[in-house]
Amino acid sequence: MLLGPRDRDLVASRKEPLMEGWTLLVVRQLDAENHEAGGYVVAADTVGAGVGEVVLYATGSSARQTETTRDRPCDAVIMAIVDTWEIGGREIYRK
């Protein structure tokens, strides 16, 4: 889940040149009940996600597999915005 401005802000006015133009967002993991859990992750946003949206992100070498991040210094990337989330036939989240 993307956190809002009152939760956590991240500003990087100087970045590695290969990261120029990227928006970096703070995300927090959710558990299977759609509650905040785990720590924070700073991820490159490749899909134009907004504050409060539920997103999918990849880390490690998988984060460098998108068109935007390929062969660039990236360890976490937002790769999708979730529209709906269902577990065992029960809807957990709807945008």
N, C-alpha and C. Protein backbone atom coordinates (compact mmCIF):
# COMPACT_ATOMS: atom_id res chain seq x y z
N MET A 1 0.84 -1.17 0.00
CA MET A 1 0.00 0.00 0.00
C MET A 1 0.88 1.23 0.00
N LEU A 2 0.55 2.21 -0.79
CA LEU A 2 1.28 3.46 -0.79
C LEU A 2 0.85 4.31 0.38
N LEU A 3 1.82 4.90 1.03
CA LEU A 3 1.52 5.75 2.18
C LEU A 3 1.40 7.20 1.75
N GLY A 4 0.56 7.93 2.46
CA GLY A 4 0.32 9.33 2.12
C GLY A 4 1.37 10.26 2.68
N PRO A 5 1.28 11.55 2.32
CA PRO A 5 2.26 12.54 2.73
C PRO A 5 2.42 12.67 4.25
N ARG A 6 1.35 12.43 4.98
CA ARG A 6 1.47 12.56 6.43
C ARG A 6 2.14 11.34 7.04
N ASP A 7 2.15 10.23 6.31
CA ASP A 7 2.73 9.00 6.83
C ASP A 7 4.25 8.99 6.67
N ARG A 8 4.70 9.04 5.45
CA ARG A 8 6.13 9.01 5.15
C ARG A 8 6.36 9.76 3.84
N ASP A 9 7.30 10.67 3.84
CA ASP A 9 7.69 11.37 2.61
C ASP A 9 9.09 10.92 2.22
N LEU A 10 9.37 10.94 0.94
CA LEU A 10 10.70 10.64 0.46
C LEU A 10 11.00 11.63 -0.67
N VAL A 11 12.06 12.38 -0.50
CA VAL A 11 12.50 13.31 -1.53
C VAL A 11 13.97 13.03 -1.80
N ALA A 12 14.32 12.85 -3.06
CA ALA A 12 15.71 12.63 -3.45
C ALA A 12 16.02 13.60 -4.59
N SER A 13 16.55 14.76 -4.24
CA SER A 13 16.81 15.76 -5.27
C SER A 13 18.05 15.42 -6.09
N ARG A 14 18.92 14.59 -5.55
CA ARG A 14 20.09 14.13 -6.30
C ARG A 14 20.07 12.61 -6.32
N LYS A 15 20.18 12.05 -7.52
CA LYS A 15 20.14 10.60 -7.68
C LYS A 15 21.24 10.17 -8.64
N GLU A 16 21.53 8.90 -8.60
CA GLU A 16 22.38 8.28 -9.61
C GLU A 16 21.80 8.65 -10.97
N PRO A 17 22.63 9.07 -11.92
CA PRO A 17 22.11 9.50 -13.23
C PRO A 17 21.18 8.49 -13.90
N LEU A 18 21.41 7.21 -13.71
CA LEU A 18 20.54 6.21 -14.32
C LEU A 18 19.15 6.17 -13.68
N MET A 19 18.97 6.88 -12.56
CA MET A 19 17.68 6.93 -11.88
C MET A 19 16.96 8.25 -12.11
N GLU A 20 17.55 9.16 -12.85
CA GLU A 20 16.92 10.45 -13.11
C GLU A 20 15.56 10.25 -13.76
N GLY A 21 14.59 11.03 -13.32
CA GLY A 21 13.24 10.96 -13.86
C GLY A 21 12.35 9.97 -13.12
N TRP A 22 12.92 9.14 -12.26
CA TRP A 22 12.12 8.18 -11.52
C TRP A 22 11.43 8.85 -10.34
N THR A 23 10.23 8.42 -10.04
CA THR A 23 9.55 8.77 -8.81
C THR A 23 9.78 7.62 -7.84
N LEU A 24 10.26 7.94 -6.66
CA LEU A 24 10.48 6.92 -5.63
C LEU A 24 9.37 7.06 -4.59
N LEU A 25 8.71 5.96 -4.28
CA LEU A 25 7.59 5.98 -3.35
C LEU A 25 7.85 5.04 -2.18
N VAL A 26 7.28 5.40 -1.03
CA VAL A 26 7.37 4.56 0.16
C VAL A 26 6.15 3.66 0.19
N VAL A 27 6.37 2.36 0.27
CA VAL A 27 5.27 1.40 0.34
C VAL A 27 5.39 0.58 1.62
N ARG A 28 4.27 0.05 2.06
CA ARG A 28 4.25 -0.78 3.25
C ARG A 28 3.53 -2.08 2.91
N GLN A 29 4.06 -3.18 3.38
CA GLN A 29 3.45 -4.48 3.10
C GLN A 29 2.10 -4.62 3.80
N LEU A 30 1.22 -5.40 3.16
CA LEU A 30 -0.10 -5.70 3.72
C LEU A 30 -0.17 -7.20 3.99
N ASP A 31 -0.94 -7.57 5.01
CA ASP A 31 -1.15 -8.99 5.27
C ASP A 31 -2.38 -9.47 4.48
N ALA A 32 -2.73 -10.73 4.64
CA ALA A 32 -3.83 -11.31 3.87
C ALA A 32 -5.20 -10.74 4.23
N GLU A 33 -5.27 -9.97 5.30
CA GLU A 33 -6.53 -9.32 5.68
C GLU A 33 -6.55 -7.84 5.30
N ASN A 34 -5.57 -7.42 4.49
CA ASN A 34 -5.46 -6.05 4.02
C ASN A 34 -5.14 -5.06 5.15
N HIS A 35 -4.38 -5.52 6.14
CA HIS A 35 -3.91 -4.66 7.22
C HIS A 35 -2.42 -4.42 7.03
N GLU A 36 -1.96 -3.24 7.42
CA GLU A 36 -0.54 -2.93 7.31
C GLU A 36 0.27 -3.90 8.15
N ALA A 37 1.34 -4.41 7.57
CA ALA A 37 2.20 -5.37 8.26
C ALA A 37 3.61 -5.23 7.69
N GLY A 38 4.59 -5.61 8.44
CA GLY A 38 5.96 -5.58 7.93
C GLY A 38 6.51 -4.17 7.89
N GLY A 39 7.65 -4.05 7.25
CA GLY A 39 8.35 -2.77 7.21
C GLY A 39 8.03 -1.97 5.97
N TYR A 40 8.81 -0.93 5.79
CA TYR A 40 8.66 -0.04 4.65
C TYR A 40 9.65 -0.42 3.56
N VAL A 41 9.27 -0.14 2.33
CA VAL A 41 10.13 -0.36 1.16
C VAL A 41 10.06 0.90 0.32
N VAL A 42 11.21 1.35 -0.17
CA VAL A 42 11.24 2.45 -1.13
C VAL A 42 11.33 1.81 -2.51
N ALA A 43 10.38 2.14 -3.38
CA ALA A 43 10.32 1.50 -4.68
C ALA A 43 10.20 2.53 -5.79
N ALA A 44 10.81 2.21 -6.93
CA ALA A 44 10.65 3.04 -8.12
C ALA A 44 9.26 2.79 -8.67
N ASP A 45 8.55 3.86 -8.99
CA ASP A 45 7.18 3.75 -9.50
C ASP A 45 7.20 3.76 -11.02
N THR A 46 6.85 2.65 -11.65
CA THR A 46 6.84 2.58 -13.11
C THR A 46 5.43 2.63 -13.69
N VAL A 47 4.42 2.76 -12.81
CA VAL A 47 3.03 2.70 -13.29
C VAL A 47 2.18 3.91 -12.91
N GLY A 48 2.76 4.91 -12.25
CA GLY A 48 2.00 6.10 -11.89
C GLY A 48 1.04 5.88 -10.74
N ALA A 49 1.47 5.13 -9.74
CA ALA A 49 0.62 4.84 -8.58
C ALA A 49 0.38 6.10 -7.75
N GLY A 50 -0.72 6.09 -7.02
CA GLY A 50 -1.08 7.24 -6.20
C GLY A 50 -1.15 6.87 -4.73
N VAL A 51 -1.17 7.88 -3.90
CA VAL A 51 -1.22 7.72 -2.46
C VAL A 51 -2.46 6.91 -2.07
N GLY A 52 -2.28 5.93 -1.20
CA GLY A 52 -3.37 5.12 -0.70
C GLY A 52 -3.75 3.94 -1.57
N GLU A 53 -3.13 3.78 -2.75
CA GLU A 53 -3.46 2.66 -3.61
C GLU A 53 -2.73 1.40 -3.15
N VAL A 54 -3.33 0.27 -3.43
CA VAL A 54 -2.69 -1.02 -3.19
C VAL A 54 -1.94 -1.36 -4.47
N VAL A 55 -0.68 -1.73 -4.32
CA VAL A 55 0.18 -2.00 -5.47
C VAL A 55 0.88 -3.34 -5.31
N LEU A 56 1.40 -3.85 -6.43
CA LEU A 56 2.29 -5.00 -6.41
C LEU A 56 3.68 -4.48 -6.68
N TYR A 57 4.64 -5.01 -5.92
CA TYR A 57 6.02 -4.61 -6.18
C TYR A 57 6.92 -5.82 -6.18
N ALA A 58 8.03 -5.71 -6.87
CA ALA A 58 9.04 -6.76 -6.93
C ALA A 58 10.33 -6.22 -6.34
N THR A 59 11.13 -7.12 -5.77
CA THR A 59 12.42 -6.72 -5.21
C THR A 59 13.54 -7.60 -5.76
N GLY A 60 14.75 -7.19 -5.47
CA GLY A 60 15.91 -7.96 -5.91
C GLY A 60 16.08 -7.91 -7.41
N SER A 61 16.63 -8.98 -7.98
CA SER A 61 16.89 -9.00 -9.42
C SER A 61 15.61 -8.89 -10.23
N SER A 62 14.48 -9.32 -9.68
CA SER A 62 13.20 -9.19 -10.39
C SER A 62 12.82 -7.73 -10.60
N ALA A 63 13.28 -6.84 -9.73
CA ALA A 63 12.97 -5.42 -9.85
C ALA A 63 13.65 -4.80 -11.07
N ARG A 64 14.63 -5.46 -11.60
CA ARG A 64 15.36 -4.93 -12.76
C ARG A 64 14.89 -5.57 -14.06
N GLN A 65 13.66 -6.09 -14.07
CA GLN A 65 13.14 -6.76 -15.25
C GLN A 65 12.08 -5.95 -15.99
N THR A 66 11.74 -4.74 -15.50
CA THR A 66 10.76 -3.93 -16.22
C THR A 66 11.48 -3.12 -17.29
N GLU A 67 10.74 -2.57 -18.23
CA GLU A 67 11.35 -1.75 -19.28
C GLU A 67 12.07 -0.55 -18.68
N THR A 68 11.49 0.04 -17.65
CA THR A 68 12.07 1.24 -17.03
C THR A 68 13.32 0.94 -16.23
N THR A 69 13.36 -0.20 -15.56
CA THR A 69 14.45 -0.48 -14.61
C THR A 69 15.52 -1.41 -15.15
N ARG A 70 15.34 -1.96 -16.33
CA ARG A 70 16.29 -2.93 -16.88
C ARG A 70 17.72 -2.37 -16.88
N ASP A 71 18.62 -3.14 -16.29
CA ASP A 71 20.05 -2.79 -16.23
C ASP A 71 20.32 -1.48 -15.51
N ARG A 72 19.46 -1.13 -14.56
CA ARG A 72 19.64 0.09 -13.77
C ARG A 72 19.67 -0.26 -12.29
N PRO A 73 20.24 0.63 -11.47
CA PRO A 73 20.36 0.34 -10.04
C PRO A 73 19.01 0.45 -9.33
N CYS A 74 18.33 -0.68 -9.21
CA CYS A 74 17.00 -0.69 -8.61
C CYS A 74 16.83 -1.99 -7.83
N ASP A 75 16.36 -1.89 -6.60
CA ASP A 75 16.14 -3.09 -5.81
C ASP A 75 14.66 -3.29 -5.46
N ALA A 76 13.80 -2.33 -5.80
CA ALA A 76 12.36 -2.48 -5.60
C ALA A 76 11.63 -1.64 -6.63
N VAL A 77 10.59 -2.22 -7.25
CA VAL A 77 9.85 -1.52 -8.28
C VAL A 77 8.36 -1.81 -8.14
N ILE A 78 7.55 -0.76 -8.25
CA ILE A 78 6.10 -0.92 -8.29
C ILE A 78 5.76 -1.27 -9.74
N MET A 79 5.11 -2.42 -9.92
CA MET A 79 4.86 -2.92 -11.27
C MET A 79 3.40 -3.07 -11.61
N ALA A 80 2.50 -2.83 -10.64
CA ALA A 80 1.06 -2.93 -10.92
C ALA A 80 0.27 -2.21 -9.83
N ILE A 81 -0.87 -1.69 -10.23
CA ILE A 81 -1.84 -1.12 -9.29
C ILE A 81 -2.99 -2.11 -9.20
N VAL A 82 -3.33 -2.51 -8.00
CA VAL A 82 -4.36 -3.53 -7.78
C VAL A 82 -5.76 -2.92 -7.91
N ASP A 83 -6.61 -3.57 -8.70
CA ASP A 83 -8.01 -3.17 -8.82
C ASP A 83 -8.87 -3.92 -7.81
N THR A 84 -8.70 -5.24 -7.77
CA THR A 84 -9.41 -6.06 -6.79
C THR A 84 -8.48 -7.13 -6.26
N TRP A 85 -8.78 -7.60 -5.04
CA TRP A 85 -7.98 -8.62 -4.38
C TRP A 85 -8.94 -9.57 -3.71
N GLU A 86 -8.86 -10.84 -4.07
CA GLU A 86 -9.76 -11.85 -3.55
C GLU A 86 -8.95 -13.02 -3.02
N ILE A 87 -9.33 -13.53 -1.86
CA ILE A 87 -8.69 -14.71 -1.28
C ILE A 87 -9.79 -15.69 -0.89
N GLY A 88 -9.71 -16.90 -1.44
CA GLY A 88 -10.69 -17.94 -1.12
C GLY A 88 -12.12 -17.54 -1.39
N GLY A 89 -12.35 -16.78 -2.45
CA GLY A 89 -13.70 -16.36 -2.80
C GLY A 89 -14.21 -15.15 -2.05
N ARG A 90 -13.39 -14.62 -1.13
CA ARG A 90 -13.79 -13.45 -0.34
C ARG A 90 -13.01 -12.23 -0.82
N GLU A 91 -13.72 -11.17 -1.15
CA GLU A 91 -13.06 -9.96 -1.61
C GLU A 91 -12.41 -9.24 -0.43
N ILE A 92 -11.12 -9.01 -0.56
CA ILE A 92 -10.33 -8.33 0.48
C ILE A 92 -10.22 -6.84 0.19
N TYR A 93 -10.15 -6.51 -1.12
CA TYR A 93 -9.94 -5.11 -1.51
C TYR A 93 -10.58 -4.86 -2.86
N ARG A 94 -11.17 -3.70 -3.02
CA ARG A 94 -11.66 -3.20 -4.31
C ARG A 94 -11.32 -1.73 -4.39
N LYS A 95 -10.73 -1.35 -5.49
CA LYS A 95 -10.32 0.04 -5.70
C LYS A 95 -11.52 0.95 -5.80
